[in-house]
N, C-alpha and C. Protein backbone atom coordinates (compact mmCIF):
# COMPACT_ATOMS: atom_id res chain seq x y z
N MET A 1 -40.43 -35.91 27.34
CA MET A 1 -39.89 -35.91 25.99
C MET A 1 -39.61 -34.48 25.53
N ILE A 2 -40.61 -33.60 25.71
CA ILE A 2 -40.44 -32.22 25.30
C ILE A 2 -39.41 -31.53 26.18
N SER A 3 -39.46 -31.80 27.48
CA SER A 3 -38.50 -31.16 28.38
C SER A 3 -37.07 -31.64 28.09
N THR A 4 -36.92 -32.89 27.64
CA THR A 4 -35.59 -33.40 27.28
C THR A 4 -35.07 -32.65 26.05
N ARG A 5 -35.93 -32.44 25.06
CA ARG A 5 -35.52 -31.71 23.86
C ARG A 5 -35.16 -30.27 24.20
N ILE A 6 -35.95 -29.67 25.04
CA ILE A 6 -35.66 -28.29 25.44
C ILE A 6 -34.35 -28.23 26.21
N GLY A 7 -34.13 -29.20 27.07
CA GLY A 7 -32.88 -29.25 27.84
C GLY A 7 -31.67 -29.42 26.94
N VAL A 8 -31.78 -30.31 25.94
CA VAL A 8 -30.68 -30.54 25.00
C VAL A 8 -30.45 -29.28 24.16
N ALA A 9 -31.53 -28.67 23.69
CA ALA A 9 -31.41 -27.46 22.88
C ALA A 9 -30.76 -26.33 23.69
N PHE A 10 -31.18 -26.22 24.95
CA PHE A 10 -30.62 -25.18 25.82
C PHE A 10 -29.13 -25.44 26.08
N ALA A 11 -28.77 -26.69 26.32
CA ALA A 11 -27.36 -27.04 26.56
C ALA A 11 -26.52 -26.76 25.31
N LEU A 12 -27.08 -27.09 24.15
CA LEU A 12 -26.38 -26.84 22.89
C LEU A 12 -26.20 -25.33 22.67
N LEU A 13 -27.25 -24.57 22.96
CA LEU A 13 -27.18 -23.12 22.84
C LEU A 13 -26.11 -22.54 23.76
N LEU A 14 -26.04 -23.03 24.99
CA LEU A 14 -25.03 -22.56 25.92
C LEU A 14 -23.62 -22.92 25.44
N ALA A 15 -23.46 -24.12 24.91
CA ALA A 15 -22.15 -24.55 24.42
C ALA A 15 -21.69 -23.69 23.25
N VAL A 16 -22.59 -23.46 22.29
CA VAL A 16 -22.25 -22.63 21.13
C VAL A 16 -21.96 -21.20 21.58
N GLY A 17 -22.77 -20.68 22.47
CA GLY A 17 -22.56 -19.33 22.99
C GLY A 17 -21.24 -19.21 23.73
N GLY A 18 -20.91 -20.23 24.51
CA GLY A 18 -19.63 -20.23 25.24
C GLY A 18 -18.45 -20.24 24.30
N ILE A 19 -18.55 -21.04 23.23
CA ILE A 19 -17.46 -21.08 22.24
C ILE A 19 -17.33 -19.72 21.56
N ALA A 20 -18.45 -19.12 21.20
CA ALA A 20 -18.42 -17.81 20.54
C ALA A 20 -17.81 -16.75 21.45
N ILE A 21 -18.21 -16.74 22.71
CA ILE A 21 -17.67 -15.76 23.66
C ILE A 21 -16.18 -15.99 23.90
N GLY A 22 -15.80 -17.25 24.03
CA GLY A 22 -14.38 -17.58 24.24
C GLY A 22 -13.53 -17.19 23.05
N THR A 23 -14.03 -17.46 21.85
CA THR A 23 -13.29 -17.10 20.64
C THR A 23 -13.15 -15.59 20.53
N THR A 24 -14.24 -14.88 20.78
CA THR A 24 -14.22 -13.42 20.73
C THR A 24 -13.23 -12.86 21.76
N ALA A 25 -13.25 -13.40 22.96
CA ALA A 25 -12.34 -12.93 24.01
C ALA A 25 -10.89 -13.20 23.62
N PHE A 26 -10.63 -14.37 23.01
CA PHE A 26 -9.27 -14.70 22.59
C PHE A 26 -8.76 -13.70 21.57
N PHE A 27 -9.56 -13.45 20.53
CA PHE A 27 -9.11 -12.53 19.49
C PHE A 27 -9.06 -11.09 19.98
N ALA A 28 -9.97 -10.72 20.87
CA ALA A 28 -9.95 -9.37 21.42
C ALA A 28 -8.69 -9.17 22.26
N ALA A 29 -8.27 -10.21 22.97
CA ALA A 29 -7.06 -10.10 23.78
C ALA A 29 -5.82 -10.01 22.90
N GLU A 30 -5.85 -10.67 21.76
CA GLU A 30 -4.70 -10.67 20.86
C GLU A 30 -4.53 -9.33 20.15
N ARG A 31 -5.63 -8.67 19.81
CA ARG A 31 -5.56 -7.38 19.11
C ARG A 31 -5.57 -6.25 20.12
N LYS A 32 -4.63 -5.37 20.01
CA LYS A 32 -4.56 -4.22 20.90
C LYS A 32 -5.16 -3.01 20.21
N THR A 33 -5.48 -1.98 20.98
CA THR A 33 -6.01 -0.76 20.42
C THR A 33 -5.00 -0.17 19.44
N GLY A 34 -5.46 0.20 18.25
CA GLY A 34 -4.58 0.76 17.25
C GLY A 34 -3.71 -0.27 16.56
N ASP A 35 -4.08 -1.55 16.66
CA ASP A 35 -3.29 -2.62 16.05
C ASP A 35 -3.32 -2.46 14.54
N ILE A 36 -2.15 -2.49 13.92
CA ILE A 36 -2.06 -2.32 12.47
C ILE A 36 -1.24 -3.46 11.89
N THR A 37 -1.53 -4.67 12.33
CA THR A 37 -0.73 -5.82 11.91
C THR A 37 -1.01 -6.24 10.49
N GLY A 38 -2.17 -5.94 9.94
CA GLY A 38 -2.47 -6.31 8.56
C GLY A 38 -3.03 -7.71 8.43
N ARG A 39 -3.19 -8.14 7.19
CA ARG A 39 -3.76 -9.45 6.89
C ARG A 39 -3.41 -9.83 5.46
N LEU A 40 -3.79 -11.06 5.07
CA LEU A 40 -3.61 -11.50 3.69
C LEU A 40 -4.84 -11.08 2.89
N VAL A 41 -4.64 -10.52 1.73
CA VAL A 41 -5.75 -10.07 0.88
C VAL A 41 -5.64 -10.76 -0.47
N GLN A 42 -6.71 -11.45 -0.86
CA GLN A 42 -6.74 -12.12 -2.17
C GLN A 42 -7.29 -11.14 -3.19
N SER A 43 -6.52 -10.91 -4.25
CA SER A 43 -6.95 -10.03 -5.33
C SER A 43 -7.20 -10.86 -6.57
N ARG A 44 -8.14 -10.45 -7.39
CA ARG A 44 -8.39 -11.17 -8.65
C ARG A 44 -7.47 -10.69 -9.76
N ALA A 45 -6.61 -9.71 -9.46
CA ALA A 45 -5.67 -9.22 -10.46
C ALA A 45 -4.65 -10.32 -10.76
N THR A 46 -4.51 -10.66 -12.01
CA THR A 46 -3.55 -11.68 -12.42
C THR A 46 -2.44 -11.04 -13.23
N ASN A 47 -1.45 -11.81 -13.61
CA ASN A 47 -0.34 -11.28 -14.40
C ASN A 47 -0.80 -10.73 -15.74
N GLU A 48 -1.98 -11.14 -16.21
CA GLU A 48 -2.49 -10.64 -17.49
C GLU A 48 -3.12 -9.26 -17.36
N TYR A 49 -3.45 -8.82 -16.12
CA TYR A 49 -4.12 -7.53 -15.93
C TYR A 49 -3.18 -6.40 -16.32
N ASP A 50 -3.66 -5.49 -17.18
CA ASP A 50 -2.82 -4.38 -17.63
C ASP A 50 -3.58 -3.05 -17.61
N GLY A 51 -4.64 -2.97 -16.82
CA GLY A 51 -5.43 -1.74 -16.75
C GLY A 51 -4.85 -0.76 -15.75
N PRO A 52 -5.62 0.28 -15.42
CA PRO A 52 -5.15 1.25 -14.44
C PRO A 52 -5.04 0.59 -13.06
N PRO A 53 -4.27 1.18 -12.15
CA PRO A 53 -4.12 0.59 -10.82
C PRO A 53 -5.47 0.39 -10.14
N LEU A 54 -5.59 -0.74 -9.45
CA LEU A 54 -6.81 -1.06 -8.70
C LEU A 54 -6.63 -0.59 -7.26
N ALA A 55 -7.60 0.17 -6.75
CA ALA A 55 -7.52 0.68 -5.38
C ALA A 55 -8.20 -0.29 -4.43
N PHE A 56 -7.56 -0.53 -3.29
CA PHE A 56 -8.12 -1.32 -2.21
C PHE A 56 -8.14 -0.41 -0.98
N PRO A 57 -9.16 0.48 -0.87
CA PRO A 57 -9.15 1.49 0.18
C PRO A 57 -9.20 0.93 1.60
N LEU A 58 -9.89 -0.17 1.82
CA LEU A 58 -9.97 -0.71 3.18
C LEU A 58 -8.63 -1.26 3.64
N ASP A 59 -7.87 -1.83 2.72
CA ASP A 59 -6.57 -2.39 3.07
C ASP A 59 -5.42 -1.44 2.73
N GLU A 60 -5.75 -0.28 2.21
CA GLU A 60 -4.82 0.83 1.99
C GLU A 60 -3.67 0.50 1.04
N PHE A 61 -4.00 -0.03 -0.14
CA PHE A 61 -2.97 -0.23 -1.16
C PHE A 61 -3.58 -0.18 -2.55
N PHE A 62 -2.69 -0.05 -3.54
CA PHE A 62 -3.05 -0.08 -4.96
C PHE A 62 -2.31 -1.25 -5.58
N ILE A 63 -2.95 -1.93 -6.53
CA ILE A 63 -2.26 -2.93 -7.34
C ILE A 63 -2.18 -2.37 -8.75
N GLY A 64 -0.97 -2.30 -9.26
CA GLY A 64 -0.77 -1.79 -10.61
C GLY A 64 0.49 -2.34 -11.23
N ARG A 65 0.52 -2.34 -12.55
CA ARG A 65 1.69 -2.84 -13.27
C ARG A 65 2.70 -1.72 -13.42
N GLY A 66 3.93 -1.99 -13.04
CA GLY A 66 5.00 -1.02 -13.17
C GLY A 66 5.65 -1.10 -14.54
N SER A 67 6.59 -0.19 -14.79
CA SER A 67 7.29 -0.19 -16.07
C SER A 67 8.16 -1.44 -16.23
N ASP A 68 8.41 -2.13 -15.12
CA ASP A 68 9.18 -3.37 -15.18
C ASP A 68 8.33 -4.56 -15.59
N GLY A 69 7.02 -4.33 -15.81
CA GLY A 69 6.13 -5.40 -16.25
C GLY A 69 5.57 -6.25 -15.14
N VAL A 70 5.89 -5.94 -13.89
CA VAL A 70 5.46 -6.73 -12.74
C VAL A 70 4.33 -6.01 -12.01
N LEU A 71 3.37 -6.78 -11.47
CA LEU A 71 2.32 -6.19 -10.65
C LEU A 71 2.88 -5.88 -9.26
N HIS A 72 2.57 -4.69 -8.76
CA HIS A 72 3.05 -4.25 -7.45
C HIS A 72 1.85 -3.92 -6.57
N ALA A 73 2.02 -4.00 -5.26
CA ALA A 73 1.01 -3.57 -4.30
C ALA A 73 1.62 -2.42 -3.50
N PHE A 74 1.32 -1.18 -3.92
CA PHE A 74 1.90 -0.01 -3.29
C PHE A 74 1.03 0.46 -2.13
N TYR A 75 1.69 0.84 -1.03
CA TYR A 75 1.03 1.38 0.15
C TYR A 75 0.41 2.72 -0.22
N ALA A 76 -0.81 2.97 0.24
CA ALA A 76 -1.53 4.19 -0.14
C ALA A 76 -0.98 5.45 0.53
N TYR A 77 -0.19 5.30 1.60
CA TYR A 77 0.37 6.47 2.27
C TYR A 77 1.74 6.78 1.69
N PRO A 78 1.97 8.01 1.21
CA PRO A 78 3.30 8.34 0.68
C PRO A 78 4.31 8.44 1.81
N PRO A 79 5.59 8.19 1.53
CA PRO A 79 6.60 8.34 2.57
C PRO A 79 6.77 9.80 2.96
N GLY A 80 7.16 10.03 4.19
CA GLY A 80 7.42 11.40 4.64
C GLY A 80 6.30 11.96 5.51
N TYR A 81 6.41 13.24 5.76
CA TYR A 81 5.52 13.94 6.69
C TYR A 81 4.04 13.82 6.33
N PHE A 82 3.69 14.08 5.08
CA PHE A 82 2.28 14.14 4.71
C PHE A 82 1.59 12.79 4.80
N GLY A 83 2.30 11.72 4.52
CA GLY A 83 1.70 10.39 4.61
C GLY A 83 1.72 9.82 6.00
N HIS A 84 2.89 9.88 6.65
CA HIS A 84 3.06 9.19 7.92
C HIS A 84 2.73 10.03 9.14
N VAL A 85 2.65 11.34 9.01
CA VAL A 85 2.29 12.19 10.14
C VAL A 85 0.87 12.74 9.96
N ARG A 86 0.57 13.26 8.78
CA ARG A 86 -0.76 13.84 8.55
C ARG A 86 -1.78 12.82 8.11
N GLY A 87 -1.36 11.68 7.59
CA GLY A 87 -2.29 10.63 7.20
C GLY A 87 -2.91 10.82 5.83
N CYS A 88 -2.26 11.57 4.95
CA CYS A 88 -2.75 11.77 3.58
C CYS A 88 -2.46 10.54 2.74
N LYS A 89 -3.37 10.16 1.86
CA LYS A 89 -3.17 9.01 0.98
C LYS A 89 -2.99 9.48 -0.46
N VAL A 90 -2.18 8.74 -1.22
CA VAL A 90 -2.02 9.06 -2.64
C VAL A 90 -3.28 8.65 -3.38
N VAL A 91 -3.50 9.30 -4.52
CA VAL A 91 -4.61 8.95 -5.41
C VAL A 91 -4.02 8.70 -6.80
N TRP A 92 -4.68 7.87 -7.60
CA TRP A 92 -4.22 7.62 -8.95
C TRP A 92 -4.84 8.65 -9.87
N ASP A 93 -4.01 9.36 -10.61
CA ASP A 93 -4.48 10.36 -11.56
C ASP A 93 -4.07 9.89 -12.95
N ALA A 94 -5.02 9.34 -13.69
CA ALA A 94 -4.73 8.78 -15.01
C ALA A 94 -4.33 9.84 -16.02
N ALA A 95 -4.75 11.09 -15.80
CA ALA A 95 -4.47 12.16 -16.76
C ALA A 95 -3.14 12.86 -16.48
N ALA A 96 -2.52 12.59 -15.34
CA ALA A 96 -1.28 13.27 -14.99
C ALA A 96 -0.14 12.83 -15.90
N ALA A 97 0.75 13.77 -16.18
CA ALA A 97 1.90 13.48 -17.05
C ALA A 97 3.19 13.59 -16.24
N THR A 98 4.21 12.87 -16.67
CA THR A 98 5.47 12.89 -15.95
C THR A 98 6.38 14.03 -16.38
N VAL A 99 6.17 14.58 -17.56
CA VAL A 99 7.01 15.68 -18.04
C VAL A 99 6.14 16.80 -18.59
N ALA A 100 6.71 17.99 -18.66
CA ALA A 100 5.98 19.13 -19.24
C ALA A 100 6.72 19.57 -20.50
N THR A 101 5.97 19.83 -21.57
CA THR A 101 6.56 20.35 -22.80
C THR A 101 5.73 21.54 -23.24
N PRO A 102 6.28 22.69 -23.51
CA PRO A 102 7.68 23.07 -23.37
C PRO A 102 8.09 23.10 -21.90
N PRO A 103 9.39 23.40 -21.58
CA PRO A 103 9.82 23.41 -20.19
C PRO A 103 8.87 24.23 -19.32
N ALA A 104 8.75 23.82 -18.06
CA ALA A 104 7.81 24.45 -17.13
C ALA A 104 7.92 25.97 -17.18
N GLY A 105 6.80 26.60 -17.19
CA GLY A 105 6.74 28.05 -17.24
C GLY A 105 5.38 28.47 -17.75
N VAL A 106 5.26 29.71 -18.13
CA VAL A 106 4.00 30.22 -18.63
C VAL A 106 3.66 29.51 -19.94
N GLY A 107 2.47 29.00 -20.03
CA GLY A 107 2.02 28.34 -21.25
C GLY A 107 2.45 26.89 -21.37
N ALA A 108 3.07 26.34 -20.34
CA ALA A 108 3.49 24.94 -20.41
C ALA A 108 2.27 24.03 -20.38
N THR A 109 2.27 23.05 -21.22
CA THR A 109 1.18 22.08 -21.22
C THR A 109 1.75 20.70 -20.95
N PRO A 110 1.11 19.94 -20.08
CA PRO A 110 1.64 18.62 -19.76
C PRO A 110 1.53 17.68 -20.95
N ALA A 111 2.56 16.89 -21.15
CA ALA A 111 2.52 15.87 -22.19
C ALA A 111 1.62 14.74 -21.73
N ALA A 112 1.04 14.04 -22.68
CA ALA A 112 0.21 12.90 -22.32
C ALA A 112 1.11 11.87 -21.65
N GLY A 113 0.71 11.42 -20.49
CA GLY A 113 1.56 10.48 -19.74
C GLY A 113 0.81 9.24 -19.34
N PRO A 114 1.52 8.33 -18.71
CA PRO A 114 0.91 7.08 -18.31
C PRO A 114 0.10 7.19 -17.02
N GLY A 115 0.03 8.36 -16.43
CA GLY A 115 -0.66 8.54 -15.17
C GLY A 115 0.33 8.50 -14.02
N LEU A 116 -0.08 9.06 -12.89
CA LEU A 116 0.80 9.15 -11.72
C LEU A 116 0.00 8.91 -10.45
N TYR A 117 0.70 8.44 -9.41
CA TYR A 117 0.16 8.46 -8.06
C TYR A 117 0.49 9.85 -7.53
N VAL A 118 -0.52 10.56 -7.02
CA VAL A 118 -0.33 11.94 -6.58
C VAL A 118 -0.71 12.07 -5.12
N ASP A 119 0.15 12.74 -4.34
CA ASP A 119 -0.13 13.05 -2.94
C ASP A 119 -0.84 14.39 -2.92
N PRO A 120 -2.15 14.43 -2.62
CA PRO A 120 -2.89 15.69 -2.68
C PRO A 120 -2.49 16.70 -1.60
N CYS A 121 -1.84 16.25 -0.53
CA CYS A 121 -1.45 17.17 0.54
C CYS A 121 -0.07 17.77 0.31
N GLY A 122 0.91 16.93 0.01
CA GLY A 122 2.28 17.41 -0.12
C GLY A 122 2.71 17.68 -1.54
N GLY A 123 1.98 17.14 -2.52
CA GLY A 123 2.32 17.38 -3.91
C GLY A 123 3.31 16.40 -4.51
N ALA A 124 3.73 15.39 -3.76
CA ALA A 124 4.66 14.41 -4.32
C ALA A 124 3.95 13.64 -5.44
N ARG A 125 4.72 13.28 -6.47
CA ARG A 125 4.18 12.54 -7.61
C ARG A 125 5.06 11.32 -7.84
N PHE A 126 4.41 10.19 -8.07
CA PHE A 126 5.12 8.93 -8.25
C PHE A 126 4.67 8.29 -9.55
N SER A 127 5.62 7.72 -10.29
CA SER A 127 5.29 7.07 -11.56
C SER A 127 4.50 5.79 -11.30
N ARG A 128 4.08 5.18 -12.37
CA ARG A 128 3.26 3.97 -12.29
C ARG A 128 3.97 2.84 -11.54
N ASP A 129 5.31 2.82 -11.58
CA ASP A 129 6.03 1.77 -10.86
C ASP A 129 6.51 2.23 -9.49
N GLY A 130 5.94 3.32 -8.96
CA GLY A 130 6.22 3.77 -7.60
C GLY A 130 7.45 4.65 -7.44
N THR A 131 8.11 4.99 -8.54
CA THR A 131 9.31 5.82 -8.49
C THR A 131 8.94 7.28 -8.28
N LEU A 132 9.64 7.95 -7.35
CA LEU A 132 9.40 9.36 -7.08
C LEU A 132 9.75 10.18 -8.31
N VAL A 133 8.79 10.98 -8.79
CA VAL A 133 9.00 11.85 -9.95
C VAL A 133 9.31 13.26 -9.47
N SER A 134 8.54 13.76 -8.51
CA SER A 134 8.76 15.10 -7.96
C SER A 134 8.06 15.21 -6.62
N GLY A 135 8.45 16.24 -5.86
CA GLY A 135 7.78 16.50 -4.61
C GLY A 135 8.66 16.29 -3.39
N PRO A 136 8.07 16.48 -2.21
CA PRO A 136 8.86 16.48 -0.97
C PRO A 136 9.22 15.09 -0.41
N ALA A 137 8.73 14.02 -0.98
CA ALA A 137 9.04 12.69 -0.43
C ALA A 137 10.52 12.38 -0.58
N ASP A 138 11.05 11.55 0.32
CA ASP A 138 12.47 11.22 0.29
C ASP A 138 12.77 9.83 -0.26
N ARG A 139 11.74 9.11 -0.65
CA ARG A 139 11.96 7.77 -1.22
C ARG A 139 10.77 7.39 -2.10
N ASN A 140 10.94 6.31 -2.83
CA ASN A 140 9.86 5.80 -3.68
C ASN A 140 8.74 5.25 -2.80
N LEU A 141 7.60 4.93 -3.42
CA LEU A 141 6.47 4.41 -2.65
C LEU A 141 6.84 3.11 -1.94
N ASP A 142 6.33 2.97 -0.72
CA ASP A 142 6.50 1.73 0.03
C ASP A 142 5.59 0.68 -0.59
N TYR A 143 5.89 -0.59 -0.37
CA TYR A 143 5.12 -1.65 -1.02
C TYR A 143 4.96 -2.85 -0.10
N PHE A 144 3.92 -3.63 -0.37
CA PHE A 144 3.64 -4.83 0.41
C PHE A 144 4.20 -6.06 -0.29
N ALA A 145 4.48 -7.08 0.49
CA ALA A 145 4.93 -8.37 -0.06
C ALA A 145 3.76 -8.99 -0.83
N THR A 146 4.05 -9.61 -1.95
CA THR A 146 3.01 -10.24 -2.77
C THR A 146 3.44 -11.64 -3.16
N SER A 147 2.47 -12.45 -3.52
CA SER A 147 2.74 -13.79 -4.04
C SER A 147 1.61 -14.17 -4.98
N ALA A 148 1.85 -15.18 -5.78
CA ALA A 148 0.83 -15.65 -6.72
C ALA A 148 -0.12 -16.58 -6.00
N GLY A 149 -1.41 -16.36 -6.21
CA GLY A 149 -2.44 -17.22 -5.64
C GLY A 149 -3.14 -17.99 -6.73
N VAL A 150 -4.08 -18.83 -6.35
CA VAL A 150 -4.82 -19.64 -7.32
C VAL A 150 -5.63 -18.75 -8.25
N GLU A 151 -6.29 -17.73 -7.70
CA GLU A 151 -7.16 -16.87 -8.51
C GLU A 151 -6.59 -15.49 -8.76
N GLY A 152 -5.34 -15.26 -8.43
CA GLY A 152 -4.75 -13.94 -8.64
C GLY A 152 -3.67 -13.66 -7.62
N MET A 153 -3.39 -12.39 -7.44
CA MET A 153 -2.31 -11.96 -6.55
C MET A 153 -2.76 -11.97 -5.09
N ILE A 154 -1.88 -12.40 -4.19
CA ILE A 154 -2.14 -12.33 -2.75
C ILE A 154 -1.22 -11.26 -2.20
N VAL A 155 -1.80 -10.31 -1.47
CA VAL A 155 -1.05 -9.21 -0.87
C VAL A 155 -1.01 -9.44 0.63
N ASP A 156 0.19 -9.45 1.20
CA ASP A 156 0.37 -9.63 2.64
C ASP A 156 0.58 -8.26 3.26
N THR A 157 -0.49 -7.68 3.81
CA THR A 157 -0.40 -6.33 4.37
C THR A 157 0.29 -6.34 5.74
N ARG A 158 0.76 -7.52 6.17
CA ARG A 158 1.55 -7.59 7.40
C ARG A 158 3.01 -7.30 7.12
N GLN A 159 3.42 -7.36 5.85
CA GLN A 159 4.82 -7.16 5.48
C GLN A 159 4.95 -5.95 4.57
N LEU A 160 5.28 -4.80 5.16
CA LEU A 160 5.45 -3.55 4.42
C LEU A 160 6.94 -3.26 4.28
N TYR A 161 7.37 -2.98 3.05
CA TYR A 161 8.78 -2.69 2.79
C TYR A 161 8.93 -1.26 2.30
N CYS A 162 10.03 -0.61 2.71
CA CYS A 162 10.30 0.77 2.31
C CYS A 162 10.71 0.84 0.85
N GLY A 163 10.22 1.87 0.17
CA GLY A 163 10.69 2.13 -1.19
C GLY A 163 12.15 2.57 -1.13
N SER A 164 12.87 2.44 -2.22
CA SER A 164 14.29 2.81 -2.20
C SER A 164 14.44 4.32 -2.02
N ALA A 165 15.49 4.70 -1.29
CA ALA A 165 15.75 6.10 -0.98
C ALA A 165 16.16 6.86 -2.24
N VAL A 166 15.85 8.15 -2.24
CA VAL A 166 16.18 9.01 -3.37
C VAL A 166 16.97 10.20 -2.83
N THR A 167 18.12 10.47 -3.43
CA THR A 167 18.91 11.63 -3.05
C THR A 167 18.73 12.68 -4.13
N PRO A 168 18.11 13.81 -3.82
CA PRO A 168 17.83 14.81 -4.84
C PRO A 168 19.11 15.40 -5.45
N LEU A 169 19.03 15.70 -6.73
CA LEU A 169 20.09 16.36 -7.48
C LEU A 169 21.42 15.61 -7.47
N GLU A 170 21.39 14.30 -7.26
CA GLU A 170 22.63 13.54 -7.30
C GLU A 170 22.69 12.79 -8.62
N THR A 171 23.72 13.06 -9.40
CA THR A 171 23.88 12.39 -10.68
C THR A 171 25.18 11.60 -10.64
N PRO A 172 25.12 10.27 -10.80
CA PRO A 172 26.35 9.49 -10.77
C PRO A 172 27.21 9.80 -12.00
N ILE A 173 28.51 9.80 -11.81
CA ILE A 173 29.45 10.01 -12.91
C ILE A 173 29.57 8.71 -13.68
N ALA A 174 29.62 8.81 -15.00
CA ALA A 174 29.68 7.62 -15.84
C ALA A 174 30.85 6.73 -15.43
N GLY A 175 30.59 5.46 -15.27
CA GLY A 175 31.62 4.49 -14.92
C GLY A 175 31.82 4.31 -13.43
N GLU A 176 31.26 5.21 -12.60
CA GLU A 176 31.40 5.09 -11.15
C GLU A 176 30.08 4.60 -10.56
N PRO A 177 30.15 3.81 -9.49
CA PRO A 177 28.91 3.34 -8.88
C PRO A 177 28.17 4.49 -8.21
N SER A 178 26.88 4.44 -8.25
CA SER A 178 26.05 5.47 -7.64
C SER A 178 26.11 5.35 -6.13
N SER A 179 26.17 6.49 -5.44
CA SER A 179 26.18 6.45 -3.98
C SER A 179 24.77 6.62 -3.42
N THR A 180 23.77 6.62 -4.29
CA THR A 180 22.39 6.74 -3.85
C THR A 180 21.99 5.47 -3.11
N PRO A 181 21.56 5.57 -1.84
CA PRO A 181 21.18 4.37 -1.11
C PRO A 181 19.91 3.77 -1.69
N THR A 182 19.88 2.49 -1.84
CA THR A 182 18.69 1.81 -2.34
C THR A 182 18.43 0.58 -1.50
N SER A 183 17.20 0.08 -1.55
CA SER A 183 16.88 -1.16 -0.87
C SER A 183 17.32 -2.30 -1.75
N THR A 184 18.09 -3.20 -1.21
CA THR A 184 18.53 -4.37 -1.96
C THR A 184 17.35 -5.29 -2.17
N PRO A 185 17.09 -5.75 -3.41
CA PRO A 185 15.94 -6.61 -3.65
C PRO A 185 15.90 -7.84 -2.75
N GLY A 186 17.06 -8.42 -2.44
CA GLY A 186 17.09 -9.62 -1.60
C GLY A 186 16.81 -9.33 -0.14
N GLN A 187 17.14 -8.11 0.32
CA GLN A 187 16.98 -7.77 1.72
C GLN A 187 16.31 -6.40 1.86
N PRO A 188 15.05 -6.28 1.50
CA PRO A 188 14.39 -4.97 1.61
C PRO A 188 14.22 -4.57 3.07
N GLU A 189 14.22 -3.27 3.29
CA GLU A 189 14.05 -2.73 4.64
C GLU A 189 12.57 -2.70 4.99
N LYS A 190 12.23 -3.19 6.18
CA LYS A 190 10.83 -3.18 6.62
C LYS A 190 10.45 -1.77 7.07
N CYS A 191 9.20 -1.39 6.80
CA CYS A 191 8.68 -0.09 7.19
C CYS A 191 7.56 -0.26 8.20
N GLU A 192 7.26 0.81 8.91
CA GLU A 192 6.14 0.83 9.85
C GLU A 192 4.91 1.35 9.13
N ARG A 193 3.76 0.75 9.44
CA ARG A 193 2.50 1.25 8.87
C ARG A 193 2.07 2.51 9.59
N VAL A 194 1.23 3.28 8.94
CA VAL A 194 0.70 4.51 9.52
C VAL A 194 -0.31 4.13 10.60
N SER A 195 -0.19 4.76 11.75
CA SER A 195 -1.09 4.48 12.87
C SER A 195 -2.50 4.97 12.56
N PRO A 196 -3.52 4.21 13.00
CA PRO A 196 -4.90 4.68 12.78
C PRO A 196 -5.20 5.95 13.56
N ASN A 197 -4.33 6.32 14.51
CA ASN A 197 -4.53 7.53 15.29
C ASN A 197 -3.90 8.76 14.63
N THR A 198 -3.30 8.58 13.46
CA THR A 198 -2.68 9.69 12.74
C THR A 198 -3.74 10.72 12.38
N LYS A 199 -3.38 12.00 12.49
CA LYS A 199 -4.32 13.07 12.14
C LYS A 199 -4.70 12.96 10.68
N ARG A 200 -5.95 13.10 10.39
CA ARG A 200 -6.42 13.10 9.00
C ARG A 200 -6.75 14.53 8.60
N PRO A 201 -6.42 14.93 7.36
CA PRO A 201 -6.70 16.31 6.93
C PRO A 201 -8.19 16.57 6.83
């Protein structure tokens, strides 16, 4: 009787262990070294949330409301050399201002602003809705696909889209279409995520 119970328990233990090892081997085979495929992330941020951007450091994005009134999930790495080559991440600076009054120079004091995403390595600054304000970046912040979930926003970190391109010092003439390239909302351009092997400062 006791030996039968021990035999059944041992067989059950082997079966569970075999399933665990098989499952681990399957997923290990599917993921390659440096895999950056992403995942779905459930956020509790809802359309009613209007506070400062929420940082998700493990999944490398911020959720914040843009000037368009919509919640966005911006990629933490700024576009360009400092984000994609050096591996620098933007930080939210609530005290940063978008303009300086009087004009920049000696004694200029920043006007109170809505805060900015700031690249501490390259100096690029992005407004609350991801638009490039200043700095060496060549486009607005990249962003992840989002959808509404039962308890808040769902961010799909497997789908990264490029922010619209910015051409410096280009001013469209009134009545003429702008030649500044932008990502079409219906067909955004997909971007590559930063490799985990990227040099960190």
